């Protein structure tokens, strides 16, 4: 069974979002998503400084089984990307909640509260 961490917010498209102390939001894919994908072999991340719109496809995760779009859980500007994942994408399989894909400066912080909490995400899984 997949791990669903309390304190994070979740998109129905299986991305997690964590509010950081500086007001930025880290984004990655859930344990459920990485289990469904299997061994991750490639990750395409959004460009630094790109402007994202909530629910927009912003990248791709490829595994030995399939390729899946990464969606923006909220709108804003990409302020950091985890380049380490492009070199070692398998980290998503072993540590999905530590393996953030990118950080965003939200343009509308209220969108974070519109995402699912852990119980809501568990219900859709």
PDB file of N, CA and C in Angstrom:
ATOM      1  N   UNK A   1       0.833  -1.186   0.000  1.00  0.00           N
ATOM      2  CA  UNK A   1       0.000   0.000   0.000  1.00  0.00           C
ATOM      3  C   UNK A   1       0.876   1.247   0.000  1.00  0.00           C
ATOM      4  N   UNK A   2       0.439   2.239  -0.705  1.00  0.00           N
ATOM      5  CA  UNK A   2       1.180   3.490  -0.843  1.00  0.00           C
ATOM      6  C   UNK A   2       1.165   4.302   0.444  1.00  0.00           C
ATOM      7  N   UNK A   3       2.234   5.038   0.652  1.00  0.00           N
ATOM      8  CA  UNK A   3       2.320   5.966   1.768  1.00  0.00           C
ATOM      9  C   UNK A   3       1.736   7.305   1.335  1.00  0.00           C
ATOM     10  N   UNK A   4       0.895   7.879   2.169  1.00  0.00           N
ATOM     11  CA  UNK A   4       0.340   9.205   1.931  1.00  0.00           C
ATOM     12  C   UNK A   4       0.693  10.037   3.153  1.00  0.00           C
ATOM     13  N   UNK A   5       1.521  11.042   2.965  1.00  0.00           N
ATOM     14  CA  UNK A   5       2.011  11.836   4.086  1.00  0.00           C
ATOM     15  C   UNK A   5       1.020  12.924   4.493  1.00  0.00           C
ATOM     16  N   UNK A   6       0.757  12.984   5.782  1.00  0.00           N
ATOM     17  CA  UNK A   6      -0.068  14.063   6.329  1.00  0.00           C
ATOM     18  C   UNK A   6       0.712  15.365   6.212  1.00  0.00           C
ATOM     19  N   UNK A   7       0.023  16.463   6.109  1.00  0.00           N
ATOM     20  CA  UNK A   7       0.674  17.764   6.047  1.00  0.00           C
ATOM     21  C   UNK A   7       0.978  18.235   4.641  1.00  0.00           C
ATOM     22  N   UNK A   8       0.843  17.356   3.667  1.00  0.00           N
ATOM     23  CA  UNK A   8       1.013  17.749   2.269  1.00  0.00           C
ATOM     24  C   UNK A   8      -0.349  17.959   1.645  1.00  0.00           C
ATOM     25  N   UNK A   9      -0.376  18.623   0.507  1.00  0.00           N
ATOM     26  CA  UNK A   9      -1.604  18.766  -0.283  1.00  0.00           C
ATOM     27  C   UNK A   9      -1.404  17.945  -1.547  1.00  0.00           C
ATOM     28  N   UNK A  10      -2.499  17.455  -2.116  1.00  0.00           N
ATOM     29  CA  UNK A  10      -2.419  16.526  -3.236  1.00  0.00           C
ATOM     30  C   UNK A  10      -3.351  16.922  -4.368  1.00  0.00           C
ATOM     31  N   UNK A  11      -2.865  16.760  -5.597  1.00  0.00           N
ATOM     32  CA  UNK A  11      -3.691  16.958  -6.782  1.00  0.00           C
ATOM     33  C   UNK A  11      -4.282  15.609  -7.188  1.00  0.00           C
ATOM     34  N   UNK A  12      -5.429  15.627  -7.816  1.00  0.00           N
ATOM     35  CA  UNK A  12      -6.042  14.391  -8.293  1.00  0.00           C
ATOM     36  C   UNK A  12      -5.183  13.717  -9.356  1.00  0.00           C
ATOM     37  N   UNK A  13      -4.247  14.457  -9.954  1.00  0.00           N
ATOM     38  CA  UNK A  13      -3.342  13.915 -10.957  1.00  0.00           C
ATOM     39  C   UNK A  13      -2.077  13.319 -10.318  1.00  0.00           C
ATOM     40  N   UNK A  14      -2.075  13.170  -8.989  1.00  0.00           N
ATOM     41  CA  UNK A  14      -1.053  12.453  -8.213  1.00  0.00           C
ATOM     42  C   UNK A  14       0.252  13.221  -8.001  1.00  0.00           C
ATOM     43  N   UNK A  15       0.174  14.545  -7.971  1.00  0.00           N
ATOM     44  CA  UNK A  15       1.305  15.348  -7.535  1.00  0.00           C
ATOM     45  C   UNK A  15       1.071  15.767  -6.083  1.00  0.00           C
ATOM     46  N   UNK A  16       2.151  15.893  -5.326  1.00  0.00           N
ATOM     47  CA  UNK A  16       2.053  16.435  -3.973  1.00  0.00           C
ATOM     48  C   UNK A  16       2.633  17.851  -3.976  1.00  0.00           C
ATOM     49  N   UNK A  17       2.179  18.641  -3.016  1.00  0.00           N
ATOM     50  CA  UNK A  17       2.653  20.017  -2.862  1.00  0.00           C
ATOM     51  C   UNK A  17       2.907  20.270  -1.377  1.00  0.00           C
ATOM     52  N   UNK A  18       4.107  20.787  -1.087  1.00  0.00           N
ATOM     53  CA  UNK A  18       4.481  21.076   0.308  1.00  0.00           C
ATOM     54  C   UNK A  18       4.814  22.555   0.441  1.00  0.00           C
ATOM     55  N   UNK A  19       4.084  23.240   1.315  1.00  0.00           N
ATOM     56  CA  UNK A  19       4.360  24.639   1.605  1.00  0.00           C
ATOM     57  C   UNK A  19       5.633  24.727   2.433  1.00  0.00           C
ATOM     58  N   UNK A  20       6.600  25.492   1.941  1.00  0.00           N
ATOM     59  CA  UNK A  20       7.872  25.673   2.640  1.00  0.00           C
ATOM     60  C   UNK A  20       7.784  26.911   3.526  1.00  0.00           C
ATOM     61  N   UNK A  21       8.714  27.046   4.455  1.00  0.00           N
ATOM     62  CA  UNK A  21       8.684  28.154   5.427  1.00  0.00           C
ATOM     63  C   UNK A  21       8.820  29.527   4.769  1.00  0.00           C
ATOM     64  N   UNK A  22       9.396  29.585   3.577  1.00  0.00           N
ATOM     65  CA  UNK A  22       9.564  30.870   2.879  1.00  0.00           C
ATOM     66  C   UNK A  22       8.383  31.226   1.975  1.00  0.00           C
ATOM     67  N   UNK A  23       7.318  30.413   2.017  1.00  0.00           N
ATOM     68  CA  UNK A  23       6.135  30.684   1.205  1.00  0.00           C
ATOM     69  C   UNK A  23       6.151  30.043  -0.169  1.00  0.00           C
ATOM     70  N   UNK A  24       7.278  29.428  -0.531  1.00  0.00           N
ATOM     71  CA  UNK A  24       7.326  28.703  -1.800  1.00  0.00           C
ATOM     72  C   UNK A  24       6.703  27.328  -1.605  1.00  0.00           C
ATOM     73  N   UNK A  25       6.472  26.625  -2.701  1.00  0.00           N
ATOM     74  CA  UNK A  25       5.853  25.302  -2.643  1.00  0.00           C
ATOM     75  C   UNK A  25       6.716  24.317  -3.426  1.00  0.00           C
ATOM     76  N   UNK A  26       7.089  23.221  -2.794  1.00  0.00           N
ATOM     77  CA  UNK A  26       7.808  22.142  -3.462  1.00  0.00           C
ATOM     78  C   UNK A  26       6.785  21.173  -4.030  1.00  0.00           C
ATOM     79  N   UNK A  27       7.098  20.623  -5.211  1.00  0.00           N
ATOM     80  CA  UNK A  27       6.167  19.743  -5.913  1.00  0.00           C
ATOM     81  C   UNK A  27       6.883  18.461  -6.339  1.00  0.00           C
ATOM     82  N   UNK A  28       6.199  17.334  -6.196  1.00  0.00           N
ATOM     83  CA  UNK A  28       6.725  16.047  -6.669  1.00  0.00           C
ATOM     84  C   UNK A  28       5.563  15.132  -6.981  1.00  0.00           C
ATOM     85  N   UNK A  29       5.866  13.865  -7.262  1.00  0.00           N
ATOM     86  CA  UNK A  29       4.782  12.900  -7.471  1.00  0.00           C
ATOM     87  C   UNK A  29       4.653  12.000  -6.252  1.00  0.00           C
ATOM     88  N   UNK A  30       3.470  11.485  -6.069  1.00  0.00           N
ATOM     89  CA  UNK A  30       3.168  10.703  -4.873  1.00  0.00           C
ATOM     90  C   UNK A  30       3.747   9.295  -4.938  1.00  0.00           C
ATOM     91  N   UNK A  31       3.762   8.659  -3.794  1.00  0.00           N
ATOM     92  CA  UNK A  31       4.178   7.268  -3.698  1.00  0.00           C
ATOM     93  C   UNK A  31       3.260   6.398  -4.564  1.00  0.00           C
ATOM     94  N   UNK A  32       1.978   6.688  -4.539  1.00  0.00           N
ATOM     95  CA  UNK A  32       1.018   5.952  -5.365  1.00  0.00           C
ATOM     96  C   UNK A  32       1.385   6.064  -6.849  1.00  0.00           C
ATOM     97  N   UNK A  33       1.731   7.263  -7.294  1.00  0.00           N
ATOM     98  CA  UNK A  33       2.087   7.485  -8.698  1.00  0.00           C
ATOM     99  C   UNK A  33       3.348   6.725  -9.083  1.00  0.00           C
ATOM    100  N   UNK A  34       4.378   6.786  -8.247  1.00  0.00           N
ATOM    101  CA  UNK A  34       5.620   6.094  -8.599  1.00  0.00           C
ATOM    102  C   UNK A  34       5.436   4.589  -8.591  1.00  0.00           C
ATOM    103  N   UNK A  35       4.577   4.071  -7.703  1.00  0.00           N
ATOM    104  CA  UNK A  35       4.291   2.634  -7.704  1.00  0.00           C
ATOM    105  C   UNK A  35       3.591   2.213  -8.985  1.00  0.00           C
ATOM    106  N   UNK A  36       2.639   3.029  -9.433  1.00  0.00           N
ATOM    107  CA  UNK A  36       1.904   2.721 -10.661  1.00  0.00           C
ATOM    108  C   UNK A  36       2.818   2.778 -11.885  1.00  0.00           C
ATOM    109  N   UNK A  37       3.762   3.714 -11.881  1.00  0.00           N
ATOM    110  CA  UNK A  37       4.674   3.857 -13.012  1.00  0.00           C
ATOM    111  C   UNK A  37       5.711   2.750 -13.078  1.00  0.00           C
ATOM    112  N   UNK A  38       6.185   2.297 -11.942  1.00  0.00           N
ATOM    113  CA  UNK A  38       7.293   1.344 -11.920  1.00  0.00           C
ATOM    114  C   UNK A  38       8.618   2.087 -11.906  1.00  0.00           C
ATOM    115  N   UNK A  39       9.665   1.438 -12.356  1.00  0.00           N
ATOM    116  CA  UNK A  39      11.014   2.014 -12.294  1.00  0.00           C
ATOM    117  C   UNK A  39      11.120   3.251 -13.178  1.00  0.00           C
ATOM    118  N   UNK A  40      11.325   4.401 -12.547  1.00  0.00           N
ATOM    119  CA  UNK A  40      11.445   5.672 -13.264  1.00  0.00           C
ATOM    120  C   UNK A  40      12.833   5.748 -13.901  1.00  0.00           C
ATOM    121  N   UNK A  41      12.854   6.076 -15.214  1.00  0.00           N
ATOM    122  CA  UNK A  41      14.116   6.123 -15.953  1.00  0.00           C
ATOM    123  C   UNK A  41      14.437   7.499 -16.518  1.00  0.00           C
ATOM    124  N   UNK A  42      13.446   8.407 -16.556  1.00  0.00           N
ATOM    125  CA  UNK A  42      13.681   9.730 -17.134  1.00  0.00           C
ATOM    126  C   UNK A  42      12.645  10.700 -16.583  1.00  0.00           C
ATOM    127  N   UNK A  43      13.095  11.935 -16.316  1.00  0.00           N
ATOM    128  CA  UNK A  43      12.190  12.988 -15.852  1.00  0.00           C
ATOM    129  C   UNK A  43      12.499  14.261 -16.627  1.00  0.00           C
ATOM    130  N   UNK A  44      11.462  14.846 -17.216  1.00  0.00           N
ATOM    131  CA  UNK A  44      11.576  16.148 -17.867  1.00  0.00           C
ATOM    132  C   UNK A  44      10.917  17.165 -16.947  1.00  0.00           C
ATOM    133  N   UNK A  45      11.686  18.143 -16.496  1.00  0.00           N
ATOM    134  CA  UNK A  45      11.203  19.142 -15.544  1.00  0.00           C
ATOM    135  C   UNK A  45      10.856  20.444 -16.252  1.00  0.00           C
ATOM    136  N   UNK A  46      10.011  21.270 -15.647  1.00  0.00           N
ATOM    137  CA  UNK A  46       9.717  22.577 -16.251  1.00  0.00           C
ATOM    138  C   UNK A  46      10.956  23.473 -16.211  1.00  0.00           C
ATOM    139  N   UNK A  47      10.982  24.439 -17.090  1.00  0.00           N
ATOM    140  CA  UNK A  47      12.121  25.360 -17.157  1.00  0.00           C
ATOM    141  C   UNK A  47      12.114  26.331 -15.981  1.00  0.00           C
ATOM    142  N   UNK A  48      13.295  26.632 -15.494  1.00  0.00           N
ATOM    143  CA  UNK A  48      13.462  27.629 -14.440  1.00  0.00           C
ATOM    144  C   UNK A  48      12.880  28.960 -14.915  1.00  0.00           C
ATOM    145  N   UNK A  49      12.186  29.650 -14.040  1.00  0.00           N
ATOM    146  CA  UNK A  49      11.545  30.944 -14.297  1.00  0.00           C
ATOM    147  C   UNK A  49      10.316  30.861 -15.204  1.00  0.00           C
ATOM    148  N   UNK A  50       9.879  29.644 -15.540  1.00  0.00           N
ATOM    149  CA  UNK A  50       8.665  29.540 -16.354  1.00  0.00           C
ATOM    150  C   UNK A  50       7.441  29.818 -15.486  1.00  0.00           C
ATOM    151  N   UNK A  51       6.408  30.333 -16.116  1.00  0.00           N
ATOM    152  CA  UNK A  51       5.156  30.629 -15.434  1.00  0.00           C
ATOM    153  C   UNK A  51       4.190  29.478 -15.687  1.00  0.00           C
ATOM    154  N   UNK A  52       3.674  28.908 -14.610  1.00  0.00           N
ATOM    155  CA  UNK A  52       2.788  27.751 -14.702  1.00  0.00           C
ATOM    156  C   UNK A  52       1.365  28.127 -14.318  1.00  0.00           C
ATOM    157  N   UNK A  53       0.427  27.408 -14.904  1.00  0.00           N
ATOM    158  CA  UNK A  53      -0.985  27.550 -14.579  1.00  0.00           C
ATOM    159  C   UNK A  53      -1.445  26.242 -13.954  1.00  0.00           C
ATOM    160  N   UNK A  54      -2.226  26.314 -12.892  1.00  0.00           N
ATOM    161  CA  UNK A  54      -2.724  25.116 -12.218  1.00  0.00           C
ATOM    162  C   UNK A  54      -3.355  24.161 -13.223  1.00  0.00           C
ATOM    163  N   UNK A  55      -3.053  22.876 -13.072  1.00  0.00           N
ATOM    164  CA  UNK A  55      -3.563  21.764 -13.874  1.00  0.00           C
ATOM    165  C   UNK A  55      -2.881  21.641 -15.244  1.00  0.00           C
ATOM    166  N   UNK A  56      -1.991  22.565 -15.577  1.00  0.00           N
ATOM    167  CA  UNK A  56      -1.266  22.532 -16.850  1.00  0.00           C
ATOM    168  C   UNK A  56      -0.203  21.438 -16.824  1.00  0.00           C
ATOM    169  N   UNK A  57      -0.055  20.650 -17.904  1.00  0.00           N
ATOM    170  CA  UNK A  57       1.085  19.727 -17.974  1.00  0.00           C
ATOM    171  C   UNK A  57       2.385  20.534 -18.045  1.00  0.00           C
ATOM    172  N   UNK A  58       3.362  20.166 -17.215  1.00  0.00           N
ATOM    173  CA  UNK A  58       4.597  20.946 -17.142  1.00  0.00           C
ATOM    174  C   UNK A  58       5.858  20.100 -17.319  1.00  0.00           C
ATOM    175  N   UNK A  59       5.701  18.797 -17.439  1.00  0.00           N
ATOM    176  CA  UNK A  59       6.844  17.908 -17.589  1.00  0.00           C
ATOM    177  C   UNK A  59       6.368  16.489 -17.797  1.00  0.00           C
ATOM    178  N   UNK A  60       7.332  15.572 -17.806  1.00  0.00           N
ATOM    179  CA  UNK A  60       7.026  14.169 -18.072  1.00  0.00           C
ATOM    180  C   UNK A  60       7.871  13.286 -17.156  1.00  0.00           C
ATOM    181  N   UNK A  61       7.264  12.193 -16.699  1.00  0.00           N
ATOM    182  CA  UNK A  61       7.981  11.137 -15.992  1.00  0.00           C
ATOM    183  C   UNK A  61       7.866   9.893 -16.857  1.00  0.00           C
ATOM    184  N   UNK A  62       9.007   9.292 -17.188  1.00  0.00           N
ATOM    185  CA  UNK A  62       9.001   8.057 -17.971  1.00  0.00           C
ATOM    186  C   UNK A  62       9.532   6.926 -17.121  1.00  0.00           C
ATOM    187  N   UNK A  63       8.889   5.776 -17.271  1.00  0.00           N
ATOM    188  CA  UNK A  63       9.320   4.584 -16.557  1.00  0.00           C
ATOM    189  C   UNK A  63       9.469   3.451 -17.565  1.00  0.00           C
ATOM    190  N   UNK A  64       9.844   2.286 -17.063  1.00  0.00           N
ATOM    191  CA  UNK A  64       9.949   1.130 -17.935  1.00  0.00           C
ATOM    192  C   UNK A  64       8.574   0.702 -18.443  1.00  0.00           C
ATOM    193  N   UNK A  65       7.503   1.133 -17.763  1.00  0.00           N
ATOM    194  CA  UNK A  65       6.141   0.774 -18.146  1.00  0.00           C
ATOM    195  C   UNK A  65       5.451   1.804 -19.029  1.00  0.00           C
ATOM    196  N   UNK A  66       5.632   3.094 -18.718  1.00  0.00           N
ATOM    197  CA  UNK A  66       4.819   4.131 -19.361  1.00  0.00           C
ATOM    198  C   UNK A  66       5.454   5.503 -19.189  1.00  0.00           C
ATOM    199  N   UNK A  67       4.866   6.469 -19.868  1.00  0.00           N
ATOM    200  CA  UNK A  67       5.212   7.882 -19.672  1.00  0.00           C
ATOM    201  C   UNK A  67       3.963   8.578 -19.157  1.00  0.00           C
ATOM    202  N   UNK A  68       4.162   9.530 -18.266  1.00  0.00           N
ATOM    203  CA  UNK A  68       3.031  10.233 -17.671  1.00  0.00           C
ATOM    204  C   UNK A  68       3.369  11.711 -17.531  1.00  0.00           C
ATOM    205  N   UNK A  69       2.391  12.564 -17.824  1.00  0.00           N
ATOM    206  CA  UNK A  69       2.584  13.998 -17.658  1.00  0.00           C
ATOM    207  C   UNK A  69       2.656  14.359 -16.182  1.00  0.00           C
ATOM    208  N   UNK A  70       3.446  15.377 -15.871  1.00  0.00           N
ATOM    209  CA  UNK A  70       3.463  16.020 -14.565  1.00  0.00           C
ATOM    210  C   UNK A  70       2.623  17.277 -14.724  1.00  0.00           C
ATOM    211  N   UNK A  71       1.694  17.507 -13.817  1.00  0.00           N
ATOM    212  CA  UNK A  71       0.832  18.688 -13.878  1.00  0.00           C
ATOM    213  C   UNK A  71       1.179  19.643 -12.738  1.00  0.00           C
ATOM    214  N   UNK A  72       0.975  20.909 -12.994  1.00  0.00           N
ATOM    215  CA  UNK A  72       1.180  21.921 -11.955  1.00  0.00           C
ATOM    216  C   UNK A  72      -0.011  21.879 -10.999  1.00  0.00           C
ATOM    217  N   UNK A  73       0.218  21.648  -9.714  1.00  0.00           N
ATOM    218  CA  UNK A  73      -0.900  21.641  -8.770  1.00  0.00           C
ATOM    219  C   UNK A  73      -1.426  23.039  -8.459  1.00  0.00           C
ATOM    220  N   UNK A  74      -0.599  24.072  -8.722  1.00  0.00           N
ATOM    221  CA  UNK A  74      -1.022  25.447  -8.522  1.00  0.00           C
ATOM    222  C   UNK A  74      -0.251  26.367  -9.462  1.00  0.00           C
ATOM    223  N   UNK A  75      -0.745  27.572  -9.614  1.00  0.00           N
ATOM    224  CA  UNK A  75      -0.160  28.553 -10.530  1.00  0.00           C
ATOM    225  C   UNK A  75       0.991  29.301  -9.866  1.00  0.00           C
ATOM    226  N   UNK A  76       1.958  29.714 -10.685  1.00  0.00           N
ATOM    227  CA  UNK A  76       3.070  30.488 -10.168  1.00  0.00           C
ATOM    228  C   UNK A  76       4.287  30.394 -11.057  1.00  0.00           C
ATOM    229  N   UNK A  77       5.426  30.806 -10.523  1.00  0.00           N
ATOM    230  CA  UNK A  77       6.690  30.838 -11.259  1.00  0.00           C
ATOM    231  C   UNK A  77       7.657  29.815 -10.677  1.00  0.00           C
ATOM    232  N   UNK A  78       8.288  29.046 -11.545  1.00  0.00           N
ATOM    233  CA  UNK A  78       9.274  28.048 -11.119  1.00  0.00           C
ATOM    234  C   UNK A  78      10.534  28.775 -10.662  1.00  0.00           C
ATOM    235  N   UNK A  79      10.904  28.569  -9.402  1.00  0.00           N
ATOM    236  CA  UNK A  79      12.086  29.249  -8.863  1.00  0.00           C
ATOM    237  C   UNK A  79      13.269  28.303  -8.667  1.00  0.00           C
ATOM    238  N   UNK A  80      13.022  26.985  -8.745  1.00  0.00           N
ATOM    239  CA  UNK A  80      14.103  25.997  -8.617  1.00  0.00           C
ATOM    240  C   UNK A  80      13.644  24.691  -9.245  1.00  0.00           C
ATOM    241  N   UNK A  81      14.598  23.967  -9.823  1.00  0.00           N
ATOM    242  CA  UNK A  81      14.332  22.621 -10.330  1.00  0.00           C
ATOM    243  C   UNK A  81      15.355  21.678  -9.717  1.00  0.00           C
ATOM    244  N   UNK A  82      14.959  20.456  -9.484  1.00  0.00           N
ATOM    245  CA  UNK A  82      15.833  19.469  -8.860  1.00  0.00           C
ATOM    246  C   UNK A  82      16.622  18.749  -9.952  1.00  0.00           C
ATOM    247  N   UNK A  83      17.736  19.345 -10.345  1.00  0.00           N
ATOM    248  CA  UNK A  83      18.570  18.788 -11.418  1.00  0.00           C
ATOM    249  C   UNK A  83      19.085  17.389 -11.079  1.00  0.00           C
ATOM    250  N   UNK A  84      19.201  17.081  -9.796  1.00  0.00           N
ATOM    251  CA  UNK A  84      19.659  15.756  -9.392  1.00  0.00           C
ATOM    252  C   UNK A  84      18.758  14.645  -9.897  1.00  0.00           C
ATOM    253  N   UNK A  85      17.486  14.945 -10.072  1.00  0.00           N
ATOM    254  CA  UNK A  85      16.559  13.923 -10.565  1.00  0.00           C
ATOM    255  C   UNK A  85      16.760  13.624 -12.040  1.00  0.00           C
ATOM    256  N   UNK A  86      17.273  14.567 -12.793  1.00  0.00           N
ATOM    257  CA  UNK A  86      17.521  14.288 -14.206  1.00  0.00           C
ATOM    258  C   UNK A  86      18.691  13.322 -14.351  1.00  0.00           C
ATOM    259  N   UNK A  87      19.614  13.370 -13.402  1.00  0.00           N
ATOM    260  CA  UNK A  87      20.768  12.473 -13.426  1.00  0.00           C
ATOM    261  C   UNK A  87      20.483  11.142 -12.723  1.00  0.00           C
ATOM    262  N   UNK A  88      19.610  11.151 -11.729  1.00  0.00           N
ATOM    263  CA  UNK A  88      19.285   9.944 -10.968  1.00  0.00           C
ATOM    264  C   UNK A  88      17.776   9.887 -10.716  1.00  0.00           C
ATOM    265  N   UNK A  89      16.982   9.669 -11.775  1.00  0.00           N
ATOM    266  CA  UNK A  89      15.521   9.696 -11.631  1.00  0.00           C
ATOM    267  C   UNK A  89      14.963   8.594 -10.742  1.00  0.00           C
ATOM    268  N   UNK A  90      15.724   7.554 -10.526  1.00  0.00           N
ATOM    269  CA  UNK A  90      15.261   6.443  -9.693  1.00  0.00           C
ATOM    270  C   UNK A  90      15.044   6.854  -8.239  1.00  0.00           C
ATOM    271  N   UNK A  91      15.551   8.020  -7.844  1.00  0.00           N
ATOM    272  CA  UNK A  91      15.311   8.529  -6.494  1.00  0.00           C
ATOM    273  C   UNK A  91      13.835   8.699  -6.194  1.00  0.00           C
ATOM    274  N   UNK A  92      13.042   8.941  -7.222  1.00  0.00           N
ATOM    275  CA  UNK A  92      11.589   9.074  -7.054  1.00  0.00           C
ATOM    276  C   UNK A  92      10.990   7.768  -6.549  1.00  0.00           C
ATOM    277  N   UNK A  93      11.540   6.643  -6.986  1.00  0.00           N
ATOM    278  CA  UNK A  93      11.018   5.348  -6.554  1.00  0.00           C
ATOM    279  C   UNK A  93      11.354   5.045  -5.096  1.00  0.00           C
ATOM    280  N   UNK A  94      12.514   5.465  -4.641  1.00  0.00           N
ATOM    281  CA  UNK A  94      12.914   5.138  -3.269  1.00  0.00           C
ATOM    282  C   UNK A  94      12.465   6.175  -2.243  1.00  0.00           C
ATOM    283  N   UNK A  95      12.389   7.452  -2.657  1.00  0.00           N
ATOM    284  CA  UNK A  95      12.026   8.529  -1.733  1.00  0.00           C
ATOM    285  C   UNK A  95      11.105   9.539  -2.415  1.00  0.00           C
ATOM    286  N   UNK A  96       9.853   9.160  -2.719  1.00  0.00           N
ATOM    287  CA  UNK A  96       8.991  10.056  -3.492  1.00  0.00           C
ATOM    288  C   UNK A  96       8.685  11.388  -2.814  1.00  0.00           C
ATOM    289  N   UNK A  97       8.661  11.424  -1.487  1.00  0.00           N
ATOM    290  CA  UNK A  97       8.310  12.677  -0.808  1.00  0.00           C
ATOM    291  C   UNK A  97       9.530  13.543  -0.481  1.00  0.00           C
ATOM    292  N   UNK A  98      10.729  13.022  -0.666  1.00  0.00           N
ATOM    293  CA  UNK A  98      11.939  13.830  -0.541  1.00  0.00           C
ATOM    294  C   UNK A  98      12.436  14.266  -1.924  1.00  0.00           C
ATOM    295  N   UNK A  99      11.991  13.558  -2.953  1.00  0.00           N
ATOM    296  CA  UNK A  99      12.442  13.818  -4.326  1.00  0.00           C
ATOM    297  C   UNK A  99      11.537  14.841  -5.003  1.00  0.00           C
ATOM    298  N   UNK A 100      11.651  16.085  -4.556  1.00  0.00           N
ATOM    299  CA  UNK A 100      10.857  17.153  -5.170  1.00  0.00           C
ATOM    300  C   UNK A 100      11.342  17.392  -6.589  1.00  0.00           C
ATOM    301  N   UNK A 101      10.415  17.770  -7.474  1.00  0.00           N
ATOM    302  CA  UNK A 101      10.731  18.007  -8.880  1.00  0.00           C
ATOM    303  C   UNK A 101      11.105  19.469  -9.105  1.00  0.00           C
ATOM    304  N   UNK A 102      10.282  20.367  -8.555  1.00  0.00           N
ATOM    305  CA  UNK A 102      10.533  21.798  -8.713  1.00  0.00           C
ATOM    306  C   UNK A 102       9.890  22.551  -7.567  1.00  0.00           C
ATOM    307  N   UNK A 103      10.312  23.804  -7.407  1.00  0.00           N
ATOM    308  CA  UNK A 103       9.712  24.701  -6.408  1.00  0.00           C
ATOM    309  C   UNK A 103       9.095  25.871  -7.154  1.00  0.00           C
ATOM    310  N   UNK A 104       7.963  26.292  -6.650  1.00  0.00           N
ATOM    311  CA  UNK A 104       7.198  27.340  -7.305  1.00  0.00           C
ATOM    312  C   UNK A 104       6.906  28.467  -6.318  1.00  0.00           C
ATOM    313  N   UNK A 105       6.950  29.687  -6.820  1.00  0.00           N
ATOM    314  CA  UNK A 105       6.472  30.842  -6.052  1.00  0.00           C
ATOM    315  C   UNK A 105       5.025  31.026  -6.478  1.00  0.00           C
ATOM    316  N   UNK A 106       4.071  30.684  -5.605  1.00  0.00           N
ATOM    317  CA  UNK A 106       2.664  30.723  -6.014  1.00  0.00           C
ATOM    318  C   UNK A 106       2.190  32.135  -6.358  1.00  0.00           C
ATOM    319  N   UNK A 107       1.403  32.238  -7.418  1.00  0.00           N
ATOM    320  CA  UNK A 107       0.794  33.520  -7.762  1.00  0.00           C
ATOM    321  C   UNK A 107      -0.542  33.686  -7.041  1.00  0.00           C
ATOM    322  N   UNK A 108      -1.117  32.563  -6.626  1.00  0.00           N
ATOM    323  CA  UNK A 108      -2.363  32.585  -5.862  1.00  0.00           C
ATOM    324  C   UNK A 108      -2.264  31.518  -4.767  1.00  0.00           C
ATOM    325  N   UNK A 109      -1.711  31.864  -3.598  1.00  0.00           N
ATOM    326  CA  UNK A 109      -1.513  30.880  -2.530  1.00  0.00           C
ATOM    327  C   UNK A 109      -2.790  30.156  -2.097  1.00  0.00           C
ATOM    328  N   UNK A 110      -3.963  30.757  -2.333  1.00  0.00           N
ATOM    329  CA  UNK A 110      -5.219  30.105  -1.967  1.00  0.00           C
ATOM    330  C   UNK A 110      -5.449  28.819  -2.753  1.00  0.00           C
ATOM    331  N   UNK A 111      -4.815  28.677  -3.911  1.00  0.00           N
ATOM    332  CA  UNK A 111      -4.966  27.442  -4.693  1.00  0.00           C
ATOM    333  C   UNK A 111      -4.465  26.229  -3.924  1.00  0.00           C
ATOM    334  N   UNK A 112      -3.501  26.422  -3.043  1.00  0.00           N
ATOM    335  CA  UNK A 112      -2.970  25.313  -2.254  1.00  0.00           C
ATOM    336  C   UNK A 112      -4.069  24.680  -1.403  1.00  0.00           C
ATOM    337  N   UNK A 113      -4.929  25.509  -0.829  1.00  0.00           N
ATOM    338  CA  UNK A 113      -6.006  24.993   0.022  1.00  0.00           C
ATOM    339  C   UNK A 113      -7.104  24.297  -0.779  1.00  0.00           C
ATOM    340  N   UNK A 114      -7.123  24.500  -2.092  1.00  0.00           N
ATOM    341  CA  UNK A 114      -8.107  23.844  -2.940  1.00  0.00           C
ATOM    342  C   UNK A 114      -7.694  22.412  -3.295  1.00  0.00           C
ATOM    343  N   UNK A 115      -6.432  22.069  -3.015  1.00  0.00           N
ATOM    344  CA  UNK A 115      -5.956  20.715  -3.261  1.00  0.00           C
ATOM    345  C   UNK A 115      -6.461  19.790  -2.160  1.00  0.00           C
ATOM    346  N   UNK A 116      -6.347  18.489  -2.403  1.00  0.00           N
ATOM    347  CA  UNK A 116      -6.803  17.502  -1.436  1.00  0.00           C
ATOM    348  C   UNK A 116      -5.859  17.420  -0.241  1.00  0.00           C
ATOM    349  N   UNK A 117      -6.410  17.140   0.929  1.00  0.00           N
ATOM    350  CA  UNK A 117      -5.571  16.811   2.078  1.00  0.00           C
ATOM    351  C   UNK A 117      -5.282  15.300   2.007  1.00  0.00           C
ATOM    352  N   UNK A 118      -4.535  14.781   2.965  1.00  0.00           N
ATOM    353  CA  UNK A 118      -4.150  13.360   2.944  1.00  0.00           C
ATOM    354  C   UNK A 118      -5.374  12.449   2.913  1.00  0.00           C
ATOM    355  N   UNK A 119      -6.400  12.738   3.698  1.00  0.00           N
ATOM    356  CA  UNK A 119      -7.597  11.884   3.710  1.00  0.00           C
ATOM    357  C   UNK A 119      -8.331  11.942   2.373  1.00  0.00           C
ATOM    358  N   UNK A 120      -8.428  13.124   1.794  1.00  0.00           N
ATOM    359  CA  UNK A 120      -9.078  13.265   0.502  1.00  0.00           C
ATOM    360  C   UNK A 120      -8.329  12.521  -0.594  1.00  0.00           C
ATOM    361  N   UNK A 121      -7.000  12.586  -0.549  1.00  0.00           N
ATOM    362  CA  UNK A 121      -6.209  11.875  -1.550  1.00  0.00           C
ATOM    363  C   UNK A 121      -6.338  10.363  -1.362  1.00  0.00           C
ATOM    364  N   UNK A 122      -6.325   9.940  -0.123  1.00  0.00           N
ATOM    365  CA  UNK A 122      -6.462   8.504   0.148  1.00  0.00           C
ATOM    366  C   UNK A 122      -7.782   7.992  -0.417  1.00  0.00           C
ATOM    367  N   UNK A 123      -8.825   8.785  -0.341  1.00  0.00           N
ATOM    368  CA  UNK A 123     -10.147   8.378  -0.834  1.00  0.00           C
ATOM    369  C   UNK A 123     -10.153   8.178  -2.346  1.00  0.00           C
ATOM    370  N   UNK A 124      -9.348   8.953  -3.092  1.00  0.00           N
ATOM    371  CA  UNK A 124      -9.341   8.761  -4.548  1.00  0.00           C
ATOM    372  C   UNK A 124      -8.392   7.662  -5.000  1.00  0.00           C
ATOM    373  N   UNK A 125      -7.496   7.247  -4.115  1.00  0.00           N
ATOM    374  CA  UNK A 125      -6.569   6.170  -4.466  1.00  0.00           C
ATOM    375  C   UNK A 125      -7.252   4.825  -4.278  1.00  0.00           C
TER     376      UNK A 125
END
